[in-house]
Amino acid sequence: MNYQDYIEITPGKRSGKLCVKGTRITVYDVLGWLAQGMSNAEILKDFPELNSTQIQACLAYAAQREHHLVAVSAA
């Protein structure tokens, strides 16, 4: 999945944080809801402006970001 098709940064919108395109919902919001145990269905019910592909795009972004983190080993 190319998450960039679904996520954008717009200056002046939510302080320049990554948002789901066409919404003011940040990637951080979506990831937080999932981390708190909300299901995709619950998120979609509470935020009908989202769709399941956009939720997957947020997860894809998080996975790619994690993949690119630099590992530091203890000395």
Protein backbone atom coordinates (compact mmCIF):
# COMPACT_ATOMS: atom_id res chain seq x y z
CA MET A 1 0.00 0.00 0.00
CA ASN A 2 1.20 3.50 -0.78
CA TYR A 3 0.08 5.33 2.35
CA GLN A 4 0.99 8.65 0.73
CA ASP A 5 -2.16 8.33 -1.37
CA TYR A 6 -4.19 8.68 1.84
CA ILE A 7 -2.07 10.82 4.19
CA GLU A 8 -0.90 14.42 3.81
CA ILE A 9 0.67 17.33 5.62
CA THR A 10 -1.04 20.66 5.08
CA PRO A 11 0.60 23.75 6.57
CA GLY A 12 -1.71 25.36 9.12
CA LYS A 13 -3.86 22.25 9.49
CA ARG A 14 -3.52 20.51 12.86
CA SER A 15 -0.16 22.25 13.39
CA GLY A 16 1.35 20.56 10.34
CA LYS A 17 0.79 17.03 11.62
CA LEU A 18 0.13 14.14 9.24
CA CYS A 19 -3.60 13.95 8.54
CA VAL A 20 -5.85 11.61 6.65
CA LYS A 21 -6.55 13.38 3.35
CA GLY A 22 -9.78 15.35 3.30
CA THR A 23 -10.10 15.31 7.10
CA ARG A 24 -8.63 16.96 10.17
CA ILE A 25 -7.98 13.53 11.71
CA THR A 26 -4.30 12.92 12.38
CA VAL A 27 -2.44 9.66 11.90
CA TYR A 28 -1.60 9.93 15.61
CA ASP A 29 -5.34 10.04 16.42
CA VAL A 30 -6.03 6.87 14.45
CA LEU A 31 -3.04 5.01 15.89
CA GLY A 32 -4.05 6.10 19.38
CA TRP A 33 -7.58 4.80 18.95
CA LEU A 34 -6.27 1.46 17.72
CA ALA A 35 -3.78 1.29 20.60
CA GLN A 36 -6.63 1.91 23.06
CA GLY A 37 -8.39 -1.14 21.71
CA MET A 38 -10.93 0.39 19.33
CA SER A 39 -11.75 -1.86 16.40
CA ASN A 40 -11.82 -0.61 12.82
CA ALA A 41 -15.61 -0.92 12.93
CA GLU A 42 -15.82 1.26 16.06
CA ILE A 43 -13.59 3.92 14.52
CA LEU A 44 -15.62 3.91 11.31
CA LYS A 45 -18.85 4.23 13.29
CA ASP A 46 -17.53 7.16 15.35
CA PHE A 47 -15.81 8.85 12.39
CA PRO A 48 -17.85 8.15 9.24
CA GLU A 49 -15.58 10.44 7.22
CA LEU A 50 -12.93 7.70 7.41
CA ASN A 51 -12.82 4.42 5.54
CA SER A 52 -10.98 1.19 6.26
CA THR A 53 -8.34 1.85 3.60
CA GLN A 54 -7.40 5.11 5.35
CA ILE A 55 -7.02 3.27 8.66
CA GLN A 56 -4.76 0.73 6.95
CA ALA A 57 -2.75 3.62 5.48
CA CYS A 58 -2.11 4.93 9.00
CA LEU A 59 -0.84 1.50 10.03
CA ALA A 60 1.31 1.28 6.91
CA TYR A 61 2.86 4.65 7.74
CA ALA A 62 3.63 3.52 11.30
CA ALA A 63 5.14 0.26 10.04
CA GLN A 64 7.38 2.04 7.55
CA ARG A 65 8.47 4.58 10.13
CA GLU A 66 9.34 1.80 12.58
CA HIS A 67 11.27 -0.01 9.85
CA HIS A 68 13.43 3.06 9.24
CA LEU A 69 14.31 3.76 12.87
CA VAL A 70 17.96 3.38 13.71
CA ALA A 71 18.69 0.70 16.27
CA VAL A 72 21.18 1.63 18.97
CA SER A 73 22.82 -1.15 20.90
CA ALA A 74 23.86 -0.78 24.54
CA ALA A 75 27.56 -0.55 25.15
